C-alpha atoms as a PDB file:
ATOM      1  CA  UNK A   1       6.088  -5.038 -19.938  1.00  0.00           C
ATOM      2  CA  UNK A   2       5.484  -1.369 -20.393  1.00  0.00           C
ATOM      3  CA  UNK A   3       3.037   0.396 -18.023  1.00  0.00           C
ATOM      4  CA  UNK A   4       1.645   2.437 -20.854  1.00  0.00           C
ATOM      5  CA  UNK A   5      -0.502  -0.038 -22.971  1.00  0.00           C
ATOM      6  CA  UNK A   6      -3.964   1.280 -22.138  1.00  0.00           C
ATOM      7  CA  UNK A   7      -7.129   2.262 -23.972  1.00  0.00           C
ATOM      8  CA  UNK A   8      -9.073   5.253 -22.664  1.00  0.00           C
ATOM      9  CA  UNK A   9     -12.841   4.984 -21.912  1.00  0.00           C
ATOM     10  CA  UNK A  10     -13.258   8.415 -20.451  1.00  0.00           C
ATOM     11  CA  UNK A  11     -12.494  12.009 -21.608  1.00  0.00           C
ATOM     12  CA  UNK A  12      -8.892  12.686 -20.389  1.00  0.00           C
ATOM     13  CA  UNK A  13      -9.750  16.440 -20.203  1.00  0.00           C
ATOM     14  CA  UNK A  14     -11.951  15.615 -17.155  1.00  0.00           C
ATOM     15  CA  UNK A  15      -8.721  14.800 -15.296  1.00  0.00           C
ATOM     16  CA  UNK A  16     -10.130  11.468 -14.244  1.00  0.00           C
ATOM     17  CA  UNK A  17      -9.869   8.405 -16.531  1.00  0.00           C
ATOM     18  CA  UNK A  18     -11.022   4.885 -16.464  1.00  0.00           C
ATOM     19  CA  UNK A  19      -8.629   2.931 -18.637  1.00  0.00           C
ATOM     20  CA  UNK A  20      -8.060  -0.815 -19.338  1.00  0.00           C
ATOM     21  CA  UNK A  21      -4.840  -2.657 -19.150  1.00  0.00           C
ATOM     22  CA  UNK A  22      -3.645  -5.410 -21.577  1.00  0.00           C
ATOM     23  CA  UNK A  23      -5.737  -7.886 -19.762  1.00  0.00           C
ATOM     24  CA  UNK A  24      -8.953  -5.899 -20.193  1.00  0.00           C
ATOM     25  CA  UNK A  25      -9.088  -5.024 -16.400  1.00  0.00           C
ATOM     26  CA  UNK A  26     -10.155  -1.516 -15.606  1.00  0.00           C
ATOM     27  CA  UNK A  27      -7.844   0.894 -13.865  1.00  0.00           C
ATOM     28  CA  UNK A  28      -8.881   4.376 -12.535  1.00  0.00           C
ATOM     29  CA  UNK A  29      -6.447   7.266 -13.101  1.00  0.00           C
ATOM     30  CA  UNK A  30      -6.655  10.135 -10.641  1.00  0.00           C
ATOM     31  CA  UNK A  31      -4.955  13.485 -11.371  1.00  0.00           C
ATOM     32  CA  UNK A  32      -4.302  16.699  -9.346  1.00  0.00           C
ATOM     33  CA  UNK A  33      -4.544  20.224 -10.865  1.00  0.00           C
ATOM     34  CA  UNK A  34      -0.759  20.577 -10.361  1.00  0.00           C
ATOM     35  CA  UNK A  35       0.111  17.405 -12.398  1.00  0.00           C
ATOM     36  CA  UNK A  36       0.444  14.622  -9.823  1.00  0.00           C
ATOM     37  CA  UNK A  37      -1.352  11.333 -10.683  1.00  0.00           C
ATOM     38  CA  UNK A  38      -2.080   7.951  -9.288  1.00  0.00           C
ATOM     39  CA  UNK A  39      -3.516   4.793 -10.866  1.00  0.00           C
ATOM     40  CA  UNK A  40      -5.614   2.133  -9.181  1.00  0.00           C
ATOM     41  CA  UNK A  41      -6.351  -1.331 -10.663  1.00  0.00           C
ATOM     42  CA  UNK A  42      -9.523  -3.183 -10.115  1.00  0.00           C
ATOM     43  CA  UNK A  43      -7.271  -6.289  -9.901  1.00  0.00           C
ATOM     44  CA  UNK A  44      -6.618  -6.394  -6.250  1.00  0.00           C
ATOM     45  CA  UNK A  45      -7.536  -2.807  -5.550  1.00  0.00           C
ATOM     46  CA  UNK A  46      -3.964  -2.247  -6.046  1.00  0.00           C
ATOM     47  CA  UNK A  47      -2.316   1.184  -6.411  1.00  0.00           C
ATOM     48  CA  UNK A  48      -0.029   0.509  -9.284  1.00  0.00           C
ATOM     49  CA  UNK A  49       1.357   4.094  -9.850  1.00  0.00           C
ATOM     50  CA  UNK A  50       1.861   7.353  -7.932  1.00  0.00           C
ATOM     51  CA  UNK A  51       3.669  10.095  -9.693  1.00  0.00           C
ATOM     52  CA  UNK A  52       4.723  13.620  -8.591  1.00  0.00           C
ATOM     53  CA  UNK A  53       4.204  16.852 -10.470  1.00  0.00           C
ATOM     54  CA  UNK A  54       7.303  16.174 -12.532  1.00  0.00           C
ATOM     55  CA  UNK A  55       6.037  12.815 -13.715  1.00  0.00           C
ATOM     56  CA  UNK A  56       8.539  10.758 -11.535  1.00  0.00           C
ATOM     57  CA  UNK A  57       7.235   7.446 -10.315  1.00  0.00           C
ATOM     58  CA  UNK A  58       7.314   7.267  -6.489  1.00  0.00           C
ATOM     59  CA  UNK A  59       6.361   3.593  -6.046  1.00  0.00           C
ATOM     60  CA  UNK A  60       8.463   0.689  -7.116  1.00  0.00           C
ATOM     61  CA  UNK A  61       7.409  -2.034  -9.625  1.00  0.00           C
ATOM     62  CA  UNK A  62       9.701  -4.802 -10.485  1.00  0.00           C
ATOM     63  CA  UNK A  63      10.698  -5.077 -14.208  1.00  0.00           C
ATOM     64  CA  UNK A  64       9.859  -8.708 -13.927  1.00  0.00           C
ATOM     65  CA  UNK A  65       6.364  -8.290 -12.293  1.00  0.00           C
ATOM     66  CA  UNK A  66       3.571 -10.488 -13.614  1.00  0.00           C
ATOM     67  CA  UNK A  67       0.663  -8.490 -14.731  1.00  0.00           C
ATOM     68  CA  UNK A  68      -1.964 -11.203 -14.795  1.00  0.00           C
ATOM     69  CA  UNK A  69      -4.689 -12.517 -12.389  1.00  0.00           C
ATOM     70  CA  UNK A  70      -4.821 -14.277 -10.132  1.00  0.00           C
ATOM     71  CA  UNK A  71      -1.430 -13.088  -8.899  1.00  0.00           C
ATOM     72  CA  UNK A  72      -0.658  -9.700  -7.424  1.00  0.00           C
ATOM     73  CA  UNK A  73       1.669  -7.625  -9.252  1.00  0.00           C
ATOM     74  CA  UNK A  74       5.080  -7.235  -7.578  1.00  0.00           C
ATOM     75  CA  UNK A  75       5.049  -3.482  -6.593  1.00  0.00           C
ATOM     76  CA  UNK A  76       2.768  -0.585  -5.896  1.00  0.00           C
ATOM     77  CA  UNK A  77       0.489  -0.762  -2.852  1.00  0.00           C
ATOM     78  CA  UNK A  78      -1.205  -4.119  -2.216  1.00  0.00           C
ATOM     79  CA  UNK A  79      -4.238  -4.773  -0.026  1.00  0.00           C
ATOM     80  CA  UNK A  80      -3.234  -7.619   2.322  1.00  0.00           C
ATOM     81  CA  UNK A  81      -6.454  -9.139   3.902  1.00  0.00           C
ATOM     82  CA  UNK A  82      -7.573 -11.184   5.705  1.00  0.00           C
ATOM     83  CA  UNK A  83      -4.042 -12.160   6.637  1.00  0.00           C
ATOM     84  CA  UNK A  84      -0.521 -10.750   6.209  1.00  0.00           C
ATOM     85  CA  UNK A  85       1.990 -13.443   5.964  1.00  0.00           C
ATOM     86  CA  UNK A  86       1.573 -17.105   5.091  1.00  0.00           C
ATOM     87  CA  UNK A  87      -0.413 -19.505   7.366  1.00  0.00           C
ATOM     88  CA  UNK A  88      -3.296 -22.034   7.025  1.00  0.00           C
ATOM     89  CA  UNK A  89      -5.163 -22.564   3.856  1.00  0.00           C
ATOM     90  CA  UNK A  90      -5.340 -18.968   2.758  1.00  0.00           C
ATOM     91  CA  UNK A  91      -3.178 -17.527  -0.007  1.00  0.00           C
ATOM     92  CA  UNK A  92      -0.062 -15.621   1.051  1.00  0.00           C
ATOM     93  CA  UNK A  93      -1.011 -12.192   2.337  1.00  0.00           C
ATOM     94  CA  UNK A  94      -4.792 -13.109   1.881  1.00  0.00           C
ATOM     95  CA  UNK A  95      -6.877 -13.186  -1.076  1.00  0.00           C
ATOM     96  CA  UNK A  96      -8.012  -9.510  -1.402  1.00  0.00           C
ATOM     97  CA  UNK A  97      -4.936  -8.531  -3.477  1.00  0.00           C
ATOM     98  CA  UNK A  98      -5.599 -11.347  -5.960  1.00  0.00           C
ATOM     99  CA  UNK A  99      -9.309 -10.665  -6.582  1.00  0.00           C
ATOM    100  CA  UNK A 100     -11.231  -8.390  -9.052  1.00  0.00           C
ATOM    101  CA  UNK A 101     -12.797  -5.553  -7.218  1.00  0.00           C
ATOM    102  CA  UNK A 102     -15.721  -3.386  -8.485  1.00  0.00           C
ATOM    103  CA  UNK A 103     -16.172   0.410  -8.434  1.00  0.00           C
ATOM    104  CA  UNK A 104     -18.642   1.207  -5.623  1.00  0.00           C
ATOM    105  CA  UNK A 105     -21.633   2.435  -7.551  1.00  0.00           C
ATOM    106  CA  UNK A 106     -23.034   4.338  -4.487  1.00  0.00           C
ATOM    107  CA  UNK A 107     -19.809   6.501  -4.482  1.00  0.00           C
ATOM    108  CA  UNK A 108     -18.562   6.909  -8.109  1.00  0.00           C
ATOM    109  CA  UNK A 109     -15.214   8.294  -8.924  1.00  0.00           C
ATOM    110  CA  UNK A 110     -14.926  12.054  -8.410  1.00  0.00           C
ATOM    111  CA  UNK A 111     -12.444  14.448  -9.856  1.00  0.00           C
ATOM    112  CA  UNK A 112     -11.212  17.675  -8.250  1.00  0.00           C
ATOM    113  CA  UNK A 113     -13.436  20.624  -8.344  1.00  0.00           C
ATOM    114  CA  UNK A 114     -13.052  24.384  -7.936  1.00  0.00           C
ATOM    115  CA  UNK A 115     -12.865  24.186  -4.105  1.00  0.00           C
ATOM    116  CA  UNK A 116      -9.699  22.076  -4.095  1.00  0.00           C
ATOM    117  CA  UNK A 117     -11.223  18.863  -3.016  1.00  0.00           C
ATOM    118  CA  UNK A 118      -9.450  15.476  -3.578  1.00  0.00           C
ATOM    119  CA  UNK A 119      -9.846  13.319  -6.534  1.00  0.00           C
ATOM    120  CA  UNK A 120     -10.957   9.873  -5.470  1.00  0.00           C
ATOM    121  CA  UNK A 121     -12.401   6.442  -6.334  1.00  0.00           C
ATOM    122  CA  UNK A 122     -14.218   4.056  -4.132  1.00  0.00           C
ATOM    123  CA  UNK A 123     -13.817   0.229  -4.646  1.00  0.00           C
ATOM    124  CA  UNK A 124     -15.665  -2.652  -3.146  1.00  0.00           C
ATOM    125  CA  UNK A 125     -14.835  -6.213  -2.545  1.00  0.00           C
ATOM    126  CA  UNK A 126     -17.093  -8.961  -1.329  1.00  0.00           C
ATOM    127  CA  UNK A 127     -16.311 -12.627  -0.884  1.00  0.00           C
ATOM    128  CA  UNK A 128     -16.957 -15.142  -3.688  1.00  0.00           C
ATOM    129  CA  UNK A 129     -18.235 -18.560  -3.088  1.00  0.00           C
ATOM    130  CA  UNK A 130     -14.631 -19.883  -3.367  1.00  0.00           C
ATOM    131  CA  UNK A 131     -13.472 -17.421  -0.835  1.00  0.00           C
ATOM    132  CA  UNK A 132     -16.112 -18.495   1.683  1.00  0.00           C
ATOM    133  CA  UNK A 133     -14.897 -22.043   1.325  1.00  0.00           C
ATOM    134  CA  UNK A 134     -11.446 -21.269   2.550  1.00  0.00           C
ATOM    135  CA  UNK A 135     -12.411 -18.351   4.946  1.00  0.00           C
ATOM    136  CA  UNK A 136     -16.040 -18.730   5.793  1.00  0.00           C
ATOM    137  CA  UNK A 137     -16.811 -15.216   6.851  1.00  0.00           C
ATOM    138  CA  UNK A 138     -19.044 -12.578   5.009  1.00  0.00           C
ATOM    139  CA  UNK A 139     -17.516  -9.139   4.757  1.00  0.00           C
ATOM    140  CA  UNK A 140     -17.655  -6.017   2.776  1.00  0.00           C
ATOM    141  CA  UNK A 141     -14.323  -4.356   2.140  1.00  0.00           C
ATOM    142  CA  UNK A 142     -14.639  -0.651   0.983  1.00  0.00           C
ATOM    143  CA  UNK A 143     -11.509   1.116  -0.160  1.00  0.00           C
ATOM    144  CA  UNK A 144     -11.168   4.833  -0.977  1.00  0.00           C
ATOM    145  CA  UNK A 145      -8.077   5.931  -2.809  1.00  0.00           C
ATOM    146  CA  UNK A 146      -7.586   9.710  -2.877  1.00  0.00           C
ATOM    147  CA  UNK A 147      -5.185  12.137  -4.471  1.00  0.00           C
ATOM    148  CA  UNK A 148      -4.954  15.690  -3.015  1.00  0.00           C
ATOM    149  CA  UNK A 149      -4.380  18.861  -4.951  1.00  0.00           C
ATOM    150  CA  UNK A 150      -0.826  18.736  -3.602  1.00  0.00           C
ATOM    151  CA  UNK A 151      -0.203  15.168  -4.666  1.00  0.00           C
ATOM    152  CA  UNK A 152      -0.676  13.449  -1.380  1.00  0.00           C
ATOM    153  CA  UNK A 153      -1.926   9.765  -1.701  1.00  0.00           C
ATOM    154  CA  UNK A 154      -4.527   8.624   0.823  1.00  0.00           C
ATOM    155  CA  UNK A 155      -6.071   5.138   1.199  1.00  0.00           C
ATOM    156  CA  UNK A 156      -8.996   4.493   3.561  1.00  0.00           C
ATOM    157  CA  UNK A 157     -10.242   0.920   4.121  1.00  0.00           C
ATOM    158  CA  UNK A 158     -13.428   0.017   5.844  1.00  0.00           C
ATOM    159  CA  UNK A 159     -14.104  -3.659   6.510  1.00  0.00           C
ATOM    160  CA  UNK A 160     -17.429  -4.559   7.847  1.00  0.00           C
ATOM    161  CA  UNK A 161     -18.605  -7.913   9.308  1.00  0.00           C
ATOM    162  CA  UNK A 162     -21.898  -8.847   7.673  1.00  0.00           C
ATOM    163  CA  UNK A 163     -21.562 -12.324   9.142  1.00  0.00           C
ATOM    164  CA  UNK A 164     -23.605 -14.062  11.914  1.00  0.00           C
ATOM    165  CA  UNK A 165     -20.623 -14.575  14.095  1.00  0.00           C
ATOM    166  CA  UNK A 166     -17.344 -12.720  14.865  1.00  0.00           C
ATOM    167  CA  UNK A 167     -14.224 -13.070  12.839  1.00  0.00           C
ATOM    168  CA  UNK A 168     -10.634 -12.047  13.063  1.00  0.00           C
ATOM    169  CA  UNK A 169      -8.051 -10.805  10.631  1.00  0.00           C
ATOM    170  CA  UNK A 170      -4.751  -9.224  10.103  1.00  0.00           C
ATOM    171  CA  UNK A 171      -4.023  -6.462   7.558  1.00  0.00           C
ATOM    172  CA  UNK A 172      -1.360  -4.474   5.748  1.00  0.00           C
ATOM    173  CA  UNK A 173      -0.960  -1.755   3.065  1.00  0.00           C
ATOM    174  CA  UNK A 174       1.927  -3.582   1.394  1.00  0.00           C
ATOM    175  CA  UNK A 175       3.762  -0.520   0.051  1.00  0.00           C
ATOM    176  CA  UNK A 176       6.815  -0.661  -2.293  1.00  0.00           C
ATOM    177  CA  UNK A 177       8.579   2.712  -2.233  1.00  0.00           C
ATOM    178  CA  UNK A 178      10.979   3.682  -5.046  1.00  0.00           C
ATOM    179  CA  UNK A 179      14.353   4.765  -3.614  1.00  0.00           C
ATOM    180  CA  UNK A 180      17.522   5.817  -5.290  1.00  0.00           C
ATOM    181  CA  UNK A 181      19.837   3.502  -3.405  1.00  0.00           C
ATOM    182  CA  UNK A 182      18.799   1.326  -0.341  1.00  0.00           C
ATOM    183  CA  UNK A 183      22.263   1.941   1.211  1.00  0.00           C
ATOM    184  CA  UNK A 184      21.542   5.768   1.240  1.00  0.00           C
ATOM    185  CA  UNK A 185      18.049   5.403   2.830  1.00  0.00           C
ATOM    186  CA  UNK A 186      17.027   5.532   6.543  1.00  0.00           C
ATOM    187  CA  UNK A 187      13.787   5.487   8.344  1.00  0.00           C
ATOM    188  CA  UNK A 188      13.077   7.799  11.278  1.00  0.00           C
ATOM    189  CA  UNK A 189      10.352   7.351  13.872  1.00  0.00           C
ATOM    190  CA  UNK A 190      10.749   3.629  14.760  1.00  0.00           C
ATOM    191  CA  UNK A 191      13.957   3.925  16.950  1.00  0.00           C
ATOM    192  CA  UNK A 192      13.587   2.288  20.520  1.00  0.00           C
ATOM    193  CA  UNK A 193      10.654   0.273  19.453  1.00  0.00           C
ATOM    194  CA  UNK A 194      10.192  -3.548  19.790  1.00  0.00           C
ATOM    195  CA  UNK A 195      10.071  -5.563  16.640  1.00  0.00           C
ATOM    196  CA  UNK A 196       9.287  -9.117  15.650  1.00  0.00           C
ATOM    197  CA  UNK A 197      12.054 -10.459  13.351  1.00  0.00           C
ATOM    198  CA  UNK A 198      10.794 -12.707  10.655  1.00  0.00           C
ATOM    199  CA  UNK A 199      14.337 -13.794   9.898  1.00  0.00           C
ATOM    200  CA  UNK A 200      14.636 -15.226  13.434  1.00  0.00           C
ATOM    201  CA  UNK A 201      11.193 -16.962  13.882  1.00  0.00           C
ATOM    202  CA  UNK A 202       9.476 -13.766  14.838  1.00  0.00           C
ATOM    203  CA  UNK A 203      11.787 -13.422  17.893  1.00  0.00           C
ATOM    204  CA  UNK A 204      11.191 -10.028  19.667  1.00  0.00           C
ATOM    205  CA  UNK A 205      14.016  -7.457  19.726  1.00  0.00           C
ATOM    206  CA  UNK A 206      14.325  -3.821  20.598  1.00  0.00           C
ATOM    207  CA  UNK A 207      15.528  -1.306  17.925  1.00  0.00           C
ATOM    208  CA  UNK A 208      18.909   0.068  19.045  1.00  0.00           C
ATOM    209  CA  UNK A 209      19.802   2.430  16.249  1.00  0.00           C
ATOM    210  CA  UNK A 210      19.062   6.144  16.066  1.00  0.00           C
ATOM    211  CA  UNK A 211      17.552   5.442  12.680  1.00  0.00           C
ATOM    212  CA  UNK A 212      16.967   2.328  10.631  1.00  0.00           C
ATOM    213  CA  UNK A 213      19.516   1.863   7.849  1.00  0.00           C
ATOM    214  CA  UNK A 214      20.085  -1.084   5.553  1.00  0.00           C
ATOM    215  CA  UNK A 215      23.111  -3.248   4.883  1.00  0.00           C
ATOM    216  CA  UNK A 216      21.474  -6.759   4.591  1.00  0.00           C
ATOM    217  CA  UNK A 217      18.085  -8.410   4.322  1.00  0.00           C
ATOM    218  CA  UNK A 218      15.441  -6.981   6.676  1.00  0.00           C
ATOM    219  CA  UNK A 219      12.043  -8.359   7.369  1.00  0.00           C
ATOM    220  CA  UNK A 220      10.537  -6.929  10.665  1.00  0.00           C
ATOM    221  CA  UNK A 221       7.267  -5.948  12.281  1.00  0.00           C
ATOM    222  CA  UNK A 222       7.786  -2.925  14.518  1.00  0.00           C
ATOM    223  CA  UNK A 223       4.895  -2.966  16.964  1.00  0.00           C
ATOM    224  CA  UNK A 224       2.915  -0.104  18.818  1.00  0.00           C
ATOM    225  CA  UNK A 225       4.480   2.283  16.372  1.00  0.00           C
ATOM    226  CA  UNK A 226       3.774   6.132  16.151  1.00  0.00           C
ATOM    227  CA  UNK A 227       1.316   7.161  13.579  1.00  0.00           C
ATOM    228  CA  UNK A 228       3.852   9.227  11.659  1.00  0.00           C
ATOM    229  CA  UNK A 229       7.200   8.051  10.363  1.00  0.00           C
ATOM    230  CA  UNK A 230       9.570   9.196   7.694  1.00  0.00           C
ATOM    231  CA  UNK A 231      11.658   7.469   5.029  1.00  0.00           C
ATOM    232  CA  UNK A 232      14.637   9.687   4.068  1.00  0.00           C
ATOM    233  CA  UNK A 233      16.304   9.292   0.672  1.00  0.00           C
ATOM    234  CA  UNK A 234      19.586  11.100   0.878  1.00  0.00           C
ATOM    235  CA  UNK A 235      20.477  10.958  -2.788  1.00  0.00           C
ATOM    236  CA  UNK A 236      17.052  11.979  -4.057  1.00  0.00           C
ATOM    237  CA  UNK A 237      16.940  14.760  -1.371  1.00  0.00           C
ATOM    238  CA  UNK A 238      13.418  13.914  -0.666  1.00  0.00           C
ATOM    239  CA  UNK A 239      11.428  12.094   1.886  1.00  0.00           C
ATOM    240  CA  UNK A 240       8.307   9.956   2.173  1.00  0.00           C
ATOM    241  CA  UNK A 241       6.217  10.931   5.131  1.00  0.00           C
ATOM    242  CA  UNK A 242       3.835   8.059   6.202  1.00  0.00           C
ATOM    243  CA  UNK A 243       0.858   8.822   8.222  1.00  0.00           C
ATOM    244  CA  UNK A 244      -1.465   6.094   9.543  1.00  0.00           C
ATOM    245  CA  UNK A 245      -4.448   5.558  11.758  1.00  0.00           C
ATOM    246  CA  UNK A 246      -6.045   2.345  13.022  1.00  0.00           C
ATOM    247  CA  UNK A 247      -2.853   0.428  12.117  1.00  0.00           C
ATOM    248  CA  UNK A 248      -0.527  -0.072  15.129  1.00  0.00           C
ATOM    249  CA  UNK A 249       2.359  -1.843  13.391  1.00  0.00           C
ATOM    250  CA  UNK A 250       4.944  -1.109  10.621  1.00  0.00           C
ATOM    251  CA  UNK A 251       6.464  -3.796   8.453  1.00  0.00           C
ATOM    252  CA  UNK A 252       9.994  -3.018   7.083  1.00  0.00           C
ATOM    253  CA  UNK A 253      11.143  -5.253   4.257  1.00  0.00           C
ATOM    254  CA  UNK A 254      14.025  -5.474   1.792  1.00  0.00           C
ATOM    255  CA  UNK A 255      15.063  -8.908   0.322  1.00  0.00           C
ATOM    256  CA  UNK A 256      18.656  -7.865  -0.384  1.00  0.00           C
ATOM    257  CA  UNK A 257      20.852  -9.870  -2.846  1.00  0.00           C
ATOM    258  CA  UNK A 258      20.495 -13.440  -1.955  1.00  0.00           C
ATOM    259  CA  UNK A 259      16.707 -13.633  -1.646  1.00  0.00           C
ATOM    260  CA  UNK A 260      16.203 -11.440  -4.595  1.00  0.00           C
ATOM    261  CA  UNK A 261      17.764 -14.148  -6.768  1.00  0.00           C
ATOM    262  CA  UNK A 262      15.148 -16.720  -5.592  1.00  0.00           C
ATOM    263  CA  UNK A 263      12.159 -14.544  -6.667  1.00  0.00           C
ATOM    264  CA  UNK A 264      11.048 -15.191 -10.174  1.00  0.00           C
ATOM    265  CA  UNK A 265       9.135 -11.864 -10.470  1.00  0.00           C
ATOM    266  CA  UNK A 266      11.837  -9.728  -8.960  1.00  0.00           C
ATOM    267  CA  UNK A 267      15.164  -8.628 -10.628  1.00  0.00           C
ATOM    268  CA  UNK A 268      18.449  -9.700  -9.120  1.00  0.00           C
ATOM    269  CA  UNK A 269      19.599  -6.199  -8.462  1.00  0.00           C
ATOM    270  CA  UNK A 270      16.269  -4.445  -7.879  1.00  0.00           C
ATOM    271  CA  UNK A 271      16.530  -4.668  -4.091  1.00  0.00           C
ATOM    272  CA  UNK A 272      18.709  -1.595  -4.396  1.00  0.00           C
ATOM    273  CA  UNK A 273      15.819   0.688  -5.724  1.00  0.00           C
ATOM    274  CA  UNK A 274      12.979  -0.473  -3.472  1.00  0.00           C
ATOM    275  CA  UNK A 275      11.928  -0.580   0.152  1.00  0.00           C
ATOM    276  CA  UNK A 276       8.667  -1.761   1.636  1.00  0.00           C
ATOM    277  CA  UNK A 277       7.265   0.151   4.577  1.00  0.00           C
ATOM    278  CA  UNK A 278       3.826  -1.100   5.336  1.00  0.00           C
ATOM    279  CA  UNK A 279       1.189   0.363   7.667  1.00  0.00           C
ATOM    280  CA  UNK A 280      -0.269  -2.791   9.265  1.00  0.00           C
ATOM    281  CA  UNK A 281      -2.125  -4.629  12.102  1.00  0.00           C
ATOM    282  CA  UNK A 282      -0.121  -7.860  12.350  1.00  0.00           C
ATOM    283  CA  UNK A 283       0.917  -8.530  16.016  1.00  0.00           C
ATOM    284  CA  UNK A 284      -2.628  -8.620  17.283  1.00  0.00           C
ATOM    285  CA  UNK A 285      -5.588  -9.748  15.078  1.00  0.00           C
ATOM    286  CA  UNK A 286      -8.575  -7.405  14.623  1.00  0.00           C
ATOM    287  CA  UNK A 287     -11.797  -8.997  15.722  1.00  0.00           C
ATOM    288  CA  UNK A 288     -15.233  -7.730  14.516  1.00  0.00           C
ATOM    289  CA  UNK A 289     -18.442  -8.693  15.947  1.00  0.00           C
ATOM    290  CA  UNK A 290     -21.487  -9.105  13.657  1.00  0.00           C
ATOM    291  CA  UNK A 291     -22.356  -5.585  12.240  1.00  0.00           C
ATOM    292  CA  UNK A 292     -19.154  -4.048  13.411  1.00  0.00           C
ATOM    293  CA  UNK A 293     -16.780  -2.138  11.095  1.00  0.00           C
ATOM    294  CA  UNK A 294     -13.029  -1.454  11.249  1.00  0.00           C
ATOM    295  CA  UNK A 295     -11.287   1.529   9.608  1.00  0.00           C
ATOM    296  CA  UNK A 296      -7.542   1.719   8.667  1.00  0.00           C
ATOM    297  CA  UNK A 297      -6.023   4.850   7.005  1.00  0.00           C
ATOM    298  CA  UNK A 298      -2.774   5.586   5.194  1.00  0.00           C
ATOM    299  CA  UNK A 299      -1.603   8.853   3.803  1.00  0.00           C
ATOM    300  CA  UNK A 300       1.814   9.211   1.868  1.00  0.00           C
ATOM    301  CA  UNK A 301       3.486  12.456   1.051  1.00  0.00           C
ATOM    302  CA  UNK A 302       6.711  13.065  -0.894  1.00  0.00           C
ATOM    303  CA  UNK A 303       8.429  16.198   0.341  1.00  0.00           C
ATOM    304  CA  UNK A 304      11.742  17.781   0.197  1.00  0.00           C
ATOM    305  CA  UNK A 305      14.034  16.478   2.893  1.00  0.00           C
ATOM    306  CA  UNK A 306      14.666  20.040   4.249  1.00  0.00           C
ATOM    307  CA  UNK A 307      10.867  20.287   4.828  1.00  0.00           C
ATOM    308  CA  UNK A 308      10.429  16.814   6.344  1.00  0.00           C
ATOM    309  CA  UNK A 309      10.267  17.954   9.958  1.00  0.00           C
ATOM    310  CA  UNK A 310       7.440  20.368   9.148  1.00  0.00           C
ATOM    311  CA  UNK A 311       5.230  17.428   8.103  1.00  0.00           C
ATOM    312  CA  UNK A 312       5.903  15.147  11.025  1.00  0.00           C
ATOM    313  CA  UNK A 313       3.496  16.852  13.417  1.00  0.00           C
ATOM    314  CA  UNK A 314       0.458  16.778  11.137  1.00  0.00           C
ATOM    315  CA  UNK A 315      -2.179  14.082  11.855  1.00  0.00           C
ATOM    316  CA  UNK A 316      -3.610  11.839   9.135  1.00  0.00           C
ATOM    317  CA  UNK A 317      -6.361  13.757   7.485  1.00  0.00           C
ATOM    318  CA  UNK A 318      -8.133  11.258   5.348  1.00  0.00           C
END
């Protein structure tokens, strides 16, 4: 289904739009003065689009994705909470990515102004009665999605325990990057690290390669990872620089050919054009006492490969 079926409910000249998709669910469109854009759906708090100043889509969305609640759309950036993976009675990757969020009225959407500030929107998720039945913990999940004047995409999650007792969770920004050809892509910054291999019952291995390249299915959790890594796309001659904070792990996933054919919402050959690289907290659960708050940050930049090294030393600035 085309991504263009929207009805505007705001003046597009403001540079910030609230639009509705074909299911009537609101999406917030953020724009930079230079022509970059991002779109965030209230279904799942999911980032469903991130485009550069030439209008090129930087996130992958499957041509067979299902755009209908209660299921998360296959692509973009999904909020995986309170678990990443599939265990117990919770939905796979948690329920946050499947729920309808609200715009945080205390912090309404804001567009760029003259001083070069970021365009952003704040979203809020609280548990429903049904959520509390399967995961009996009261929380407030606040998500800020920002777009800088240079097109950098930032996500900041704050999860607060408003419960009477401690609770624990895992978390991931499940990020589908669009690539030219998975065989031409490599990841730098994870070499020499230990990883848990989900294709081998989470057995622990140590990365041996100088960089991570792809020749078959990969489903790994790299633990205790640096806060800046790069995904280099040789054919497109650009790189994604991924900065994170509060998220010690990196999940790397590509289903390859065999698994792709078993996924109803994923094209048989689409594994060639995508790569998931997720900033995450998976190996060790995060525990919050009553009243405590956890913060996890992600910043994505798309840069020329020749300038990639200049960006690797910059800290996350959300």
